[in-house]
PDB file of N, CA and C in Angstrom:
ATOM      1  N   MET A   1     108.268 125.782 123.858  1.00  0.00           N
ATOM      2  CA  MET A   1     108.479 127.068 123.191  1.00  0.00           C
ATOM      3  C   MET A   1     109.785 127.682 123.687  1.00  0.00           C
ATOM      4  N   THR A   2     110.541 128.252 122.789  1.00  0.00           N
ATOM      5  CA  THR A   2     111.801 128.882 123.174  1.00  0.00           C
ATOM      6  C   THR A   2     111.715 130.374 122.935  1.00  0.00           C
ATOM      7  N   ASP A   3     112.723 131.067 123.403  1.00  0.00           N
ATOM      8  CA  ASP A   3     112.792 132.510 123.202  1.00  0.00           C
ATOM      9  C   ASP A   3     113.518 132.873 121.915  1.00  0.00           C
ATOM     10  N   VAL A   4     113.931 131.895 121.135  1.00  0.00           N
ATOM     11  CA  VAL A   4     114.612 132.137 119.859  1.00  0.00           C
ATOM     12  C   VAL A   4     113.707 131.630 118.756  1.00  0.00           C
ATOM     13  N   THR A   5     113.595 132.408 117.676  1.00  0.00           N
ATOM     14  CA  THR A   5     112.750 132.017 116.550  1.00  0.00           C
ATOM     15  C   THR A   5     113.576 131.920 115.274  1.00  0.00           C
ATOM     16  N   LEU A   6     113.010 131.229 114.295  1.00  0.00           N
ATOM     17  CA  LEU A   6     113.603 131.100 112.961  1.00  0.00           C
ATOM     18  C   LEU A   6     112.722 131.837 111.966  1.00  0.00           C
ATOM     19  N   SER A   7     113.321 132.613 111.093  1.00  0.00           N
ATOM     20  CA  SER A   7     112.556 133.227 110.015  1.00  0.00           C
ATOM     21  C   SER A   7     112.262 132.158 108.968  1.00  0.00           C
ATOM     22  N   SER A   8     111.299 132.446 108.129  1.00  0.00           N
ATOM     23  CA  SER A   8     110.959 131.528 107.048  1.00  0.00           C
ATOM     24  C   SER A   8     112.150 131.300 106.124  1.00  0.00           C
ATOM     25  N   SER A   9     112.888 132.368 105.801  1.00  0.00           N
ATOM     26  CA  SER A   9     114.033 132.229 104.897  1.00  0.00           C
ATOM     27  C   SER A   9     115.147 131.402 105.533  1.00  0.00           C
ATOM     28  N   ALA A  10     115.341 131.529 106.851  1.00  0.00           N
ATOM     29  CA  ALA A  10     116.352 130.706 107.525  1.00  0.00           C
ATOM     30  C   ALA A  10     115.944 129.238 107.503  1.00  0.00           C
ATOM     31  N   ALA A  11     114.674 128.968 107.769  1.00  0.00           N
ATOM     32  CA  ALA A  11     114.196 127.584 107.759  1.00  0.00           C
ATOM     33  C   ALA A  11     114.390 126.950 106.382  1.00  0.00           C
ATOM     34  N   LYS A  12     114.075 127.691 105.327  1.00  0.00           N
ATOM     35  CA  LYS A  12     114.249 127.165 103.965  1.00  0.00           C
ATOM     36  C   LYS A  12     115.707 126.870 103.665  1.00  0.00           C
ATOM     37  N   ARG A  13     116.601 127.769 104.068  1.00  0.00           N
ATOM     38  CA  ARG A  13     118.031 127.578 103.790  1.00  0.00           C
ATOM     39  C   ARG A  13     118.592 126.405 104.593  1.00  0.00           C
ATOM     40  N   ILE A  14     118.195 126.281 105.846  1.00  0.00           N
ATOM     41  CA  ILE A  14     118.661 125.158 106.677  1.00  0.00           C
ATOM     42  C   ILE A  14     118.209 123.842 106.057  1.00  0.00           C
ATOM     43  N   THR A  15     116.955 123.777 105.655  1.00  0.00           N
ATOM     44  CA  THR A  15     116.421 122.563 105.026  1.00  0.00           C
ATOM     45  C   THR A  15     117.206 122.219 103.765  1.00  0.00           C
ATOM     46  N   ALA A  16     117.516 123.229 102.951  1.00  0.00           N
ATOM     47  CA  ALA A  16     118.272 122.997 101.710  1.00  0.00           C
ATOM     48  C   ALA A  16     119.682 122.505 102.008  1.00  0.00           C
ATOM     49  N   ILE A  17     120.334 123.083 102.991  1.00  0.00           N
ATOM     50  CA  ILE A  17     121.700 122.672 103.348  1.00  0.00           C
ATOM     51  C   ILE A  17     121.705 121.239 103.864  1.00  0.00           C
ATOM     52  N   LEU A  18     120.787 120.930 104.785  1.00  0.00           N
ATOM     53  CA  LEU A  18     120.765 119.591 105.379  1.00  0.00           C
ATOM     54  C   LEU A  18     120.345 118.519 104.386  1.00  0.00           C
ATOM     55  N   ALA A  19     119.585 118.886 103.360  1.00  0.00           N
ATOM     56  CA  ALA A  19     119.189 117.918 102.332  1.00  0.00           C
ATOM     57  C   ALA A  19     120.400 117.386 101.573  1.00  0.00           C
ATOM     58  N   LYS A  20     121.472 118.175 101.528  1.00  0.00           N
ATOM     59  CA  LYS A  20     122.699 117.776 100.834  1.00  0.00           C
ATOM     60  C   LYS A  20     123.686 117.066 101.761  1.00  0.00           C
ATOM     61  N   GLN A  21     123.361 116.988 103.046  1.00  0.00           N
ATOM     62  CA  GLN A  21     124.247 116.383 104.042  1.00  0.00           C
ATOM     63  C   GLN A  21     123.571 115.146 104.623  1.00  0.00           C
ATOM     64  N   SER A  22     123.808 114.002 104.056  1.00  0.00           N
ATOM     65  CA  SER A  22     123.102 112.788 104.480  1.00  0.00           C
ATOM     66  C   SER A  22     123.418 112.376 105.916  1.00  0.00           C
ATOM     67  N   ASP A  23     124.554 112.817 106.459  1.00  0.00           N
ATOM     68  CA  ASP A  23     124.935 112.404 107.801  1.00  0.00           C
ATOM     69  C   ASP A  23     124.675 113.474 108.867  1.00  0.00           C
ATOM     70  N   LYS A  24     124.024 114.577 108.511  1.00  0.00           N
ATOM     71  CA  LYS A  24     123.744 115.660 109.459  1.00  0.00           C
ATOM     72  C   LYS A  24     122.248 115.942 109.485  1.00  0.00           C
ATOM     73  N   ASP A  25     121.730 116.205 110.691  1.00  0.00           N
ATOM     74  CA  ASP A  25     120.296 116.409 110.853  1.00  0.00           C
ATOM     75  C   ASP A  25     119.911 117.779 111.397  1.00  0.00           C
ATOM     76  N   PHE A  26     120.885 118.504 111.961  1.00  0.00           N
ATOM     77  CA  PHE A  26     120.574 119.743 112.661  1.00  0.00           C
ATOM     78  C   PHE A  26     121.590 120.838 112.329  1.00  0.00           C
ATOM     79  N   LEU A  27     121.149 122.088 112.474  1.00  0.00           N
ATOM     80  CA  LEU A  27     122.069 123.219 112.505  1.00  0.00           C
ATOM     81  C   LEU A  27     122.257 123.567 113.974  1.00  0.00           C
ATOM     82  N   ARG A  28     123.493 123.630 114.416  1.00  0.00           N
ATOM     83  CA  ARG A  28     123.793 124.004 115.799  1.00  0.00           C
ATOM     84  C   ARG A  28     124.322 125.431 115.790  1.00  0.00           C
ATOM     85  N   VAL A  29     123.724 126.294 116.627  1.00  0.00           N
ATOM     86  CA  VAL A  29     124.163 127.669 116.780  1.00  0.00           C
ATOM     87  C   VAL A  29     124.653 127.831 118.215  1.00  0.00           C
ATOM     88  N   SER A  30     125.840 128.402 118.358  1.00  0.00           N
ATOM     89  CA  SER A  30     126.393 128.622 119.689  1.00  0.00           C
ATOM     90  C   SER A  30     127.049 129.995 119.755  1.00  0.00           C
ATOM     91  N   VAL A  31     127.296 130.442 120.971  1.00  0.00           N
ATOM     92  CA  VAL A  31     127.974 131.714 121.212  1.00  0.00           C
ATOM     93  C   VAL A  31     129.306 131.406 121.860  1.00  0.00           C
ATOM     94  N   GLU A  32     130.368 132.012 121.323  1.00  0.00           N
ATOM     95  CA  GLU A  32     131.717 131.825 121.859  1.00  0.00           C
ATOM     96  C   GLU A  32     132.320 133.172 122.202  1.00  0.00           C
ATOM     97  N   GLY A  33     133.230 133.175 123.147  1.00  0.00           N
ATOM     98  CA  GLY A  33     133.991 134.383 123.439  1.00  0.00           C
ATOM     99  C   GLY A  33     134.942 134.651 122.289  1.00  0.00           C
ATOM    100  N   GLY A  34     135.118 135.916 121.965  1.00  0.00           N
ATOM    101  CA  GLY A  34     136.029 136.270 120.876  1.00  0.00           C
ATOM    102  C   GLY A  34     135.323 137.092 119.825  1.00  0.00           C
ATOM    103  N   GLY A  35     135.923 137.187 118.690  1.00  0.00           N
ATOM    104  CA  GLY A  35     135.363 138.038 117.640  1.00  0.00           C
ATOM    105  C   GLY A  35     135.752 139.481 117.905  1.00  0.00           C
ATOM    106  N   CYS A  36     135.495 140.334 116.968  1.00  0.00           N
ATOM    107  CA  CYS A  36     135.938 141.721 117.098  1.00  0.00           C
ATOM    108  C   CYS A  36     135.085 142.541 118.056  1.00  0.00           C
ATOM    109  N   SER A  37     133.937 142.006 118.503  1.00  0.00           N
ATOM    110  CA  SER A  37     133.100 142.754 119.439  1.00  0.00           C
ATOM    111  C   SER A  37     132.948 142.080 120.801  1.00  0.00           C
ATOM    112  N   GLY A  38     133.635 140.980 121.033  1.00  0.00           N
ATOM    113  CA  GLY A  38     133.585 140.318 122.335  1.00  0.00           C
ATOM    114  C   GLY A  38     133.004 138.922 122.317  1.00  0.00           C
ATOM    115  N   PHE A  39     131.936 138.713 121.555  1.00  0.00           N
ATOM    116  CA  PHE A  39     131.314 137.404 121.403  1.00  0.00           C
ATOM    117  C   PHE A  39     131.076 137.166 119.923  1.00  0.00           C
ATOM    118  N   SER A  40     131.015 135.886 119.539  1.00  0.00           N
ATOM    119  CA  SER A  40     130.707 135.584 118.145  1.00  0.00           C
ATOM    120  C   SER A  40     129.790 134.365 118.068  1.00  0.00           C
ATOM    121  N   TYR A  41     129.002 134.336 117.011  1.00  0.00           N
ATOM    122  CA  TYR A  41     128.115 133.211 116.760  1.00  0.00           C
ATOM    123  C   TYR A  41     128.869 132.170 115.960  1.00  0.00           C
ATOM    124  N   LYS A  42     128.605 130.915 116.264  1.00  0.00           N
ATOM    125  CA  LYS A  42     129.219 129.813 115.546  1.00  0.00           C
ATOM    126  C   LYS A  42     128.095 128.941 114.989  1.00  0.00           C
ATOM    127  N   PHE A  43     128.210 128.573 113.724  1.00  0.00           N
ATOM    128  CA  PHE A  43     127.219 127.745 113.046  1.00  0.00           C
ATOM    129  C   PHE A  43     127.887 126.441 112.631  1.00  0.00           C
ATOM    130  N   ASP A  44     127.302 125.314 113.042  1.00  0.00           N
ATOM    131  CA  ASP A  44     127.832 123.997 112.697  1.00  0.00           C
ATOM    132  C   ASP A  44     126.690 123.071 112.302  1.00  0.00           C
ATOM    133  N   LEU A  45     126.992 122.104 111.456  1.00  0.00           N
ATOM    134  CA  LEU A  45     126.038 121.038 111.172  1.00  0.00           C
ATOM    135  C   LEU A  45     126.317 119.917 112.155  1.00  0.00           C
ATOM    136  N   ASP A  46     125.257 119.282 112.653  1.00  0.00           N
ATOM    137  CA  ASP A  46     125.435 118.273 113.697  1.00  0.00           C
ATOM    138  C   ASP A  46     124.472 117.117 113.444  1.00  0.00           C
ATOM    139  N   ASP A  47     124.841 115.953 113.976  1.00  0.00           N
ATOM    140  CA  ASP A  47     123.973 114.786 113.869  1.00  0.00           C
ATOM    141  C   ASP A  47     123.490 114.305 115.229  1.00  0.00           C
ATOM    142  N   THR A  48     123.884 115.007 116.297  1.00  0.00           N
ATOM    143  CA  THR A  48     123.553 114.570 117.644  1.00  0.00           C
ATOM    144  C   THR A  48     122.882 115.676 118.438  1.00  0.00           C
ATOM    145  N   LYS A  49     121.741 115.351 119.033  1.00  0.00           N
ATOM    146  CA  LYS A  49     121.048 116.276 119.926  1.00  0.00           C
ATOM    147  C   LYS A  49     121.419 115.890 121.354  1.00  0.00           C
ATOM    148  N   ASN A  50     121.952 116.832 122.106  1.00  0.00           N
ATOM    149  CA  ASN A  50     122.297 116.596 123.504  1.00  0.00           C
ATOM    150  C   ASN A  50     121.058 116.780 124.380  1.00  0.00           C
ATOM    151  N   ASP A  51     121.050 116.141 125.537  1.00  0.00           N
ATOM    152  CA  ASP A  51     119.892 116.207 126.434  1.00  0.00           C
ATOM    153  C   ASP A  51     119.555 117.625 126.867  1.00  0.00           C
ATOM    154  N   ASP A  52     120.562 118.486 126.983  1.00  0.00           N
ATOM    155  CA  ASP A  52     120.315 119.845 127.460  1.00  0.00           C
ATOM    156  C   ASP A  52     120.179 120.871 126.330  1.00  0.00           C
ATOM    157  N   ASP A  53     120.112 120.438 125.079  1.00  0.00           N
ATOM    158  CA  ASP A  53     119.944 121.355 123.953  1.00  0.00           C
ATOM    159  C   ASP A  53     118.539 121.937 123.929  1.00  0.00           C
ATOM    160  N   ILE A  54     118.449 123.190 123.579  1.00  0.00           N
ATOM    161  CA  ILE A  54     117.165 123.830 123.298  1.00  0.00           C
ATOM    162  C   ILE A  54     116.921 123.631 121.815  1.00  0.00           C
ATOM    163  N   VAL A  55     115.720 123.203 121.460  1.00  0.00           N
ATOM    164  CA  VAL A  55     115.371 122.880 120.080  1.00  0.00           C
ATOM    165  C   VAL A  55     114.457 123.974 119.527  1.00  0.00           C
ATOM    166  N   VAL A  56     114.836 124.529 118.388  1.00  0.00           N
ATOM    167  CA  VAL A  56     114.030 125.528 117.691  1.00  0.00           C
ATOM    168  C   VAL A  56     113.665 124.926 116.334  1.00  0.00           C
ATOM    169  N   GLU A  57     112.365 124.872 116.028  1.00  0.00           N
ATOM    170  CA  GLU A  57     111.920 124.253 114.784  1.00  0.00           C
ATOM    171  C   GLU A  57     110.986 125.176 114.009  1.00  0.00           C
ATOM    172  N   ARG A  58     111.077 125.066 112.696  1.00  0.00           N
ATOM    173  CA  ARG A  58     110.143 125.749 111.810  1.00  0.00           C
ATOM    174  C   ARG A  58     110.192 125.098 110.439  1.00  0.00           C
ATOM    175  N   ASP A  59     109.047 124.786 109.905  1.00  0.00           N
ATOM    176  CA  ASP A  59     108.915 124.267 108.538  1.00  0.00           C
ATOM    177  C   ASP A  59     109.884 123.129 108.234  1.00  0.00           C
ATOM    178  N   GLY A  60     110.076 122.225 109.173  1.00  0.00           N
ATOM    179  CA  GLY A  60     110.943 121.075 108.965  1.00  0.00           C
ATOM    180  C   GLY A  60     112.410 121.295 109.271  1.00  0.00           C
ATOM    181  N   ALA A  61     112.799 122.517 109.592  1.00  0.00           N
ATOM    182  CA  ALA A  61     114.197 122.823 109.945  1.00  0.00           C
ATOM    183  C   ALA A  61     114.346 122.780 111.461  1.00  0.00           C
ATOM    184  N   THR A  62     115.457 122.215 111.929  1.00  0.00           N
ATOM    185  CA  THR A  62     115.709 122.125 113.361  1.00  0.00           C
ATOM    186  C   THR A  62     117.057 122.737 113.694  1.00  0.00           C
ATOM    187  N   VAL A  63     117.037 123.650 114.669  1.00  0.00           N
ATOM    188  CA  VAL A  63     118.248 124.296 115.164  1.00  0.00           C
ATOM    189  C   VAL A  63     118.427 123.893 116.619  1.00  0.00           C
ATOM    190  N   LEU A  64     119.660 123.573 116.991  1.00  0.00           N
ATOM    191  CA  LEU A  64     119.995 123.240 118.377  1.00  0.00           C
ATOM    192  C   LEU A  64     120.832 124.367 118.963  1.00  0.00           C
ATOM    193  N   ILE A  65     120.514 124.742 120.211  1.00  0.00           N
ATOM    194  CA  ILE A  65     121.263 125.777 120.927  1.00  0.00           C
ATOM    195  C   ILE A  65     121.536 125.251 122.330  1.00  0.00           C
ATOM    196  N   ASP A  66     122.790 125.288 122.767  1.00  0.00           N
ATOM    197  CA  ASP A  66     123.112 124.825 124.114  1.00  0.00           C
ATOM    198  C   ASP A  66     122.608 125.851 125.136  1.00  0.00           C
ATOM    199  N   GLU A  67     122.413 125.407 126.369  1.00  0.00           N
ATOM    200  CA  GLU A  67     121.841 126.265 127.414  1.00  0.00           C
ATOM    201  C   GLU A  67     122.660 127.532 127.657  1.00  0.00           C
ATOM    202  N   MET A  68     123.969 127.419 127.655  1.00  0.00           N
ATOM    203  CA  MET A  68     124.829 128.571 127.923  1.00  0.00           C
ATOM    204  C   MET A  68     124.678 129.621 126.823  1.00  0.00           C
ATOM    205  N   SER A  69     124.642 129.188 125.580  1.00  0.00           N
ATOM    206  CA  SER A  69     124.480 130.117 124.463  1.00  0.00           C
ATOM    207  C   SER A  69     123.103 130.779 124.493  1.00  0.00           C
ATOM    208  N   MET A  70     122.090 130.028 124.944  1.00  0.00           N
ATOM    209  CA  MET A  70     120.731 130.573 125.003  1.00  0.00           C
ATOM    210  C   MET A  70     120.666 131.810 125.903  1.00  0.00           C
ATOM    211  N   GLU A  71     121.491 131.855 126.928  1.00  0.00           N
ATOM    212  CA  GLU A  71     121.506 133.015 127.825  1.00  0.00           C
ATOM    213  C   GLU A  71     121.860 134.296 127.071  1.00  0.00           C
ATOM    214  N   PHE A  72     122.686 134.192 126.042  1.00  0.00           N
ATOM    215  CA  PHE A  72     123.090 135.352 125.242  1.00  0.00           C
ATOM    216  C   PHE A  72     122.113 135.638 124.095  1.00  0.00           C
ATOM    217  N   MET A  73     121.275 134.654 123.765  1.00  0.00           N
ATOM    218  CA  MET A  73     120.448 134.754 122.558  1.00  0.00           C
ATOM    219  C   MET A  73     118.959 134.948 122.815  1.00  0.00           C
ATOM    220  N   ARG A  74     118.534 135.019 124.059  1.00  0.00           N
ATOM    221  CA  ARG A  74     117.097 135.143 124.363  1.00  0.00           C
ATOM    222  C   ARG A  74     116.459 136.280 123.573  1.00  0.00           C
ATOM    223  N   GLY A  75     115.325 135.979 122.946  1.00  0.00           N
ATOM    224  CA  GLY A  75     114.589 136.978 122.181  1.00  0.00           C
ATOM    225  C   GLY A  75     115.092 137.180 120.763  1.00  0.00           C
ATOM    226  N   SER A  76     116.084 136.411 120.350  1.00  0.00           N
ATOM    227  CA  SER A  76     116.696 136.587 119.026  1.00  0.00           C
ATOM    228  C   SER A  76     115.900 135.890 117.929  1.00  0.00           C
ATOM    229  N   GLU A  77     116.111 136.362 116.716  1.00  0.00           N
ATOM    230  CA  GLU A  77     115.590 135.698 115.528  1.00  0.00           C
ATOM    231  C   GLU A  77     116.773 135.307 114.649  1.00  0.00           C
ATOM    232  N   ILE A  78     116.791 134.043 114.236  1.00  0.00           N
ATOM    233  CA  ILE A  78     117.794 133.575 113.289  1.00  0.00           C
ATOM    234  C   ILE A  78     117.207 133.766 111.899  1.00  0.00           C
ATOM    235  N   ASP A  79     117.913 134.517 111.064  1.00  0.00           N
ATOM    236  CA  ASP A  79     117.426 134.865 109.734  1.00  0.00           C
ATOM    237  C   ASP A  79     118.479 134.470 108.701  1.00  0.00           C
ATOM    238  N   PHE A  80     118.060 134.365 107.465  1.00  0.00           N
ATOM    239  CA  PHE A  80     118.990 134.155 106.362  1.00  0.00           C
ATOM    240  C   PHE A  80     118.746 135.265 105.367  1.00  0.00           C
ATOM    241  N   SER A  81     119.791 135.997 105.054  1.00  0.00           N
ATOM    242  CA  SER A  81     119.669 137.175 104.202  1.00  0.00           C
ATOM    243  C   SER A  81     120.491 137.004 102.934  1.00  0.00           C
ATOM    244  N   THR A  82     119.884 137.366 101.812  1.00  0.00           N
ATOM    245  CA  THR A  82     120.590 137.362 100.533  1.00  0.00           C
ATOM    246  C   THR A  82     120.671 138.800 100.050  1.00  0.00           C
ATOM    247  N   GLU A  83     121.887 139.300  99.926  1.00  0.00           N
ATOM    248  CA  GLU A  83     122.113 140.674  99.497  1.00  0.00           C
ATOM    249  C   GLU A  83     123.126 140.677  98.359  1.00  0.00           C
ATOM    250  N   LEU A  84     123.347 141.814  97.773  1.00  0.00           N
ATOM    251  CA  LEU A  84     124.306 141.922  96.673  1.00  0.00           C
ATOM    252  C   LEU A  84     125.707 141.490  97.084  1.00  0.00           C
ATOM    253  N   ILE A  85     126.077 141.740  98.338  1.00  0.00           N
ATOM    254  CA  ILE A  85     127.431 141.404  98.788  1.00  0.00           C
ATOM    255  C   ILE A  85     127.560 139.959  99.245  1.00  0.00           C
ATOM    256  N   GLY A  86     126.449 139.220  99.278  1.00  0.00           N
ATOM    257  CA  GLY A  86     126.526 137.824  99.659  1.00  0.00           C
ATOM    258  C   GLY A  86     125.310 137.378 100.448  1.00  0.00           C
ATOM    259  N   ALA A  87     125.272 136.108 100.764  1.00  0.00           N
ATOM    260  CA  ALA A  87     124.183 135.512 101.523  1.00  0.00           C
ATOM    261  C   ALA A  87     124.749 134.932 102.811  1.00  0.00           C
ATOM    262  N   ALA A  88     124.013 135.091 103.914  1.00  0.00           N
ATOM    263  CA  ALA A  88     124.521 134.606 105.190  1.00  0.00           C
ATOM    264  C   ALA A  88     123.403 134.508 106.218  1.00  0.00           C
ATOM    265  N   PHE A  89     123.619 133.642 107.202  1.00  0.00           N
ATOM    266  CA  PHE A  89     122.739 133.620 108.358  1.00  0.00           C
ATOM    267  C   PHE A  89     123.054 134.849 109.199  1.00  0.00           C
ATOM    268  N   LYS A  90     122.011 135.467 109.738  1.00  0.00           N
ATOM    269  CA  LYS A  90     122.177 136.619 110.614  1.00  0.00           C
ATOM    270  C   LYS A  90     121.308 136.409 111.837  1.00  0.00           C
ATOM    271  N   ILE A  91     121.802 136.843 112.965  1.00  0.00           N
ATOM    272  CA  ILE A  91     121.028 136.736 114.192  1.00  0.00           C
ATOM    273  C   ILE A  91     120.656 138.135 114.639  1.00  0.00           C
ATOM    274  N   ASN A  92     119.355 138.388 114.675  1.00  0.00           N
ATOM    275  CA  ASN A  92     118.832 139.666 115.145  1.00  0.00           C
ATOM    276  C   ASN A  92     118.641 139.540 116.651  1.00  0.00           C
ATOM    277  N   ASN A  93     119.625 140.028 117.406  1.00  0.00           N
ATOM    278  CA  ASN A  93     119.680 139.831 118.847  1.00  0.00           C
ATOM    279  C   ASN A  93     119.374 141.140 119.567  1.00  0.00           C
ATOM    280  N   PRO A  94     118.226 141.221 120.270  1.00  0.00           N
ATOM    281  CA  PRO A  94     117.875 142.449 120.975  1.00  0.00           C
ATOM    282  C   PRO A  94     118.765 142.723 122.181  1.00  0.00           C
ATOM    283  N   ASN A  95     119.538 141.748 122.622  1.00  0.00           N
ATOM    284  CA  ASN A  95     120.420 141.909 123.775  1.00  0.00           C
ATOM    285  C   ASN A  95     121.761 142.531 123.404  1.00  0.00           C
ATOM    286  N   ALA A  96     122.109 142.502 122.125  1.00  0.00           N
ATOM    287  CA  ALA A  96     123.412 143.017 121.680  1.00  0.00           C
ATOM    288  C   ALA A  96     123.399 144.542 121.735  1.00  0.00           C
ATOM    289  N   THR A  97     124.426 145.102 122.357  1.00  0.00           N
ATOM    290  CA  THR A  97     124.539 146.559 122.427  1.00  0.00           C
ATOM    291  C   THR A  97     125.383 147.106 121.287  1.00  0.00           C
ATOM    292  N   ALA A  98     126.172 146.244 120.673  1.00  0.00           N
ATOM    293  CA  ALA A  98     126.993 146.632 119.523  1.00  0.00           C
ATOM    294  C   ALA A  98     127.212 145.393 118.679  1.00  0.00           C
ATOM    295  N   ALA A  99     127.415 145.593 117.399  1.00  0.00           N
ATOM    296  CA  ALA A  99     127.670 144.481 116.492  1.00  0.00           C
ATOM    297  C   ALA A  99     128.767 144.901 115.517  1.00  0.00           C
ATOM    298  N   CYS A 100     129.410 143.926 114.966  1.00  0.00           N
ATOM    299  CA  CYS A 100     130.472 144.152 114.003  1.00  0.00           C
ATOM    300  C   CYS A 100     129.904 144.093 112.602  1.00  0.00           C
ATOM    301  N   GLY A 101     130.572 144.668 111.662  1.00  0.00           N
ATOM    302  CA  GLY A 101     130.153 144.638 110.267  1.00  0.00           C
ATOM    303  C   GLY A 101     130.095 143.242 109.681  1.00  0.00           C
ATOM    304  N   CYS A 102     130.814 142.303 110.274  1.00  0.00           N
ATOM    305  CA  CYS A 102     130.820 140.941 109.758  1.00  0.00           C
ATOM    306  C   CYS A 102     129.497 140.229 110.006  1.00  0.00           C
ATOM    307  N   GLY A 103     128.715 140.722 110.970  1.00  0.00           N
ATOM    308  CA  GLY A 103     127.421 140.138 111.259  1.00  0.00           C
ATOM    309  C   GLY A 103     127.446 138.941 112.172  1.00  0.00           C
ATOM    310  N   THR A 104     128.623 138.461 112.566  1.00  0.00           N
ATOM    311  CA  THR A 104     128.679 137.307 113.467  1.00  0.00           C
ATOM    312  C   THR A 104     129.299 137.637 114.808  1.00  0.00           C
ATOM    313  N   SER A 105     129.657 138.878 115.025  1.00  0.00           N
ATOM    314  CA  SER A 105     130.290 139.285 116.275  1.00  0.00           C
ATOM    315  C   SER A 105     129.437 140.362 116.934  1.00  0.00           C
ATOM    316  N   PHE A 106     129.336 140.293 118.281  1.00  0.00           N
ATOM    317  CA  PHE A 106     128.503 141.240 119.001  1.00  0.00           C
ATOM    318  C   PHE A 106     129.015 141.437 120.418  1.00  0.00           C
ATOM    319  N   SER A 107     128.519 142.470 121.094  1.00  0.00           N
ATOM    320  CA  SER A 107     128.830 142.675 122.502  1.00  0.00           C
ATOM    321  C   SER A 107     127.550 142.943 123.253  1.00  0.00           C
ATOM    322  N   LEU A 108     127.589 142.716 124.568  1.00  0.00           N
ATOM    323  CA  LEU A 108     126.432 142.915 125.427  1.00  0.00           C
ATOM    324  C   LEU A 108     126.652 144.082 126.357  1.00  0.00           C
TER     325      LEU A 108
END
């Protein structure tokens, strides 16, 4: 069990994306320094699970998070939101003290 969860809508979207990518099996989420608020989330498709990856699964979707990124993401929910202005993955992170309007940048 991990401290990060996937919403049903995120799991469905990940499954749909990976179904079109025959050479990729996972969505990798990581945290990098930078962005307009200090840290930013990075989303990549990957075909390799590293030994130290934390695995988050729901409804057939698998997300990989490296140990260092997990320190910033504990207690978070990965969601997929469809709104009038567009559709995107969003991370609801209780550790973030501020977030940017772009939805991928945050500070602690």
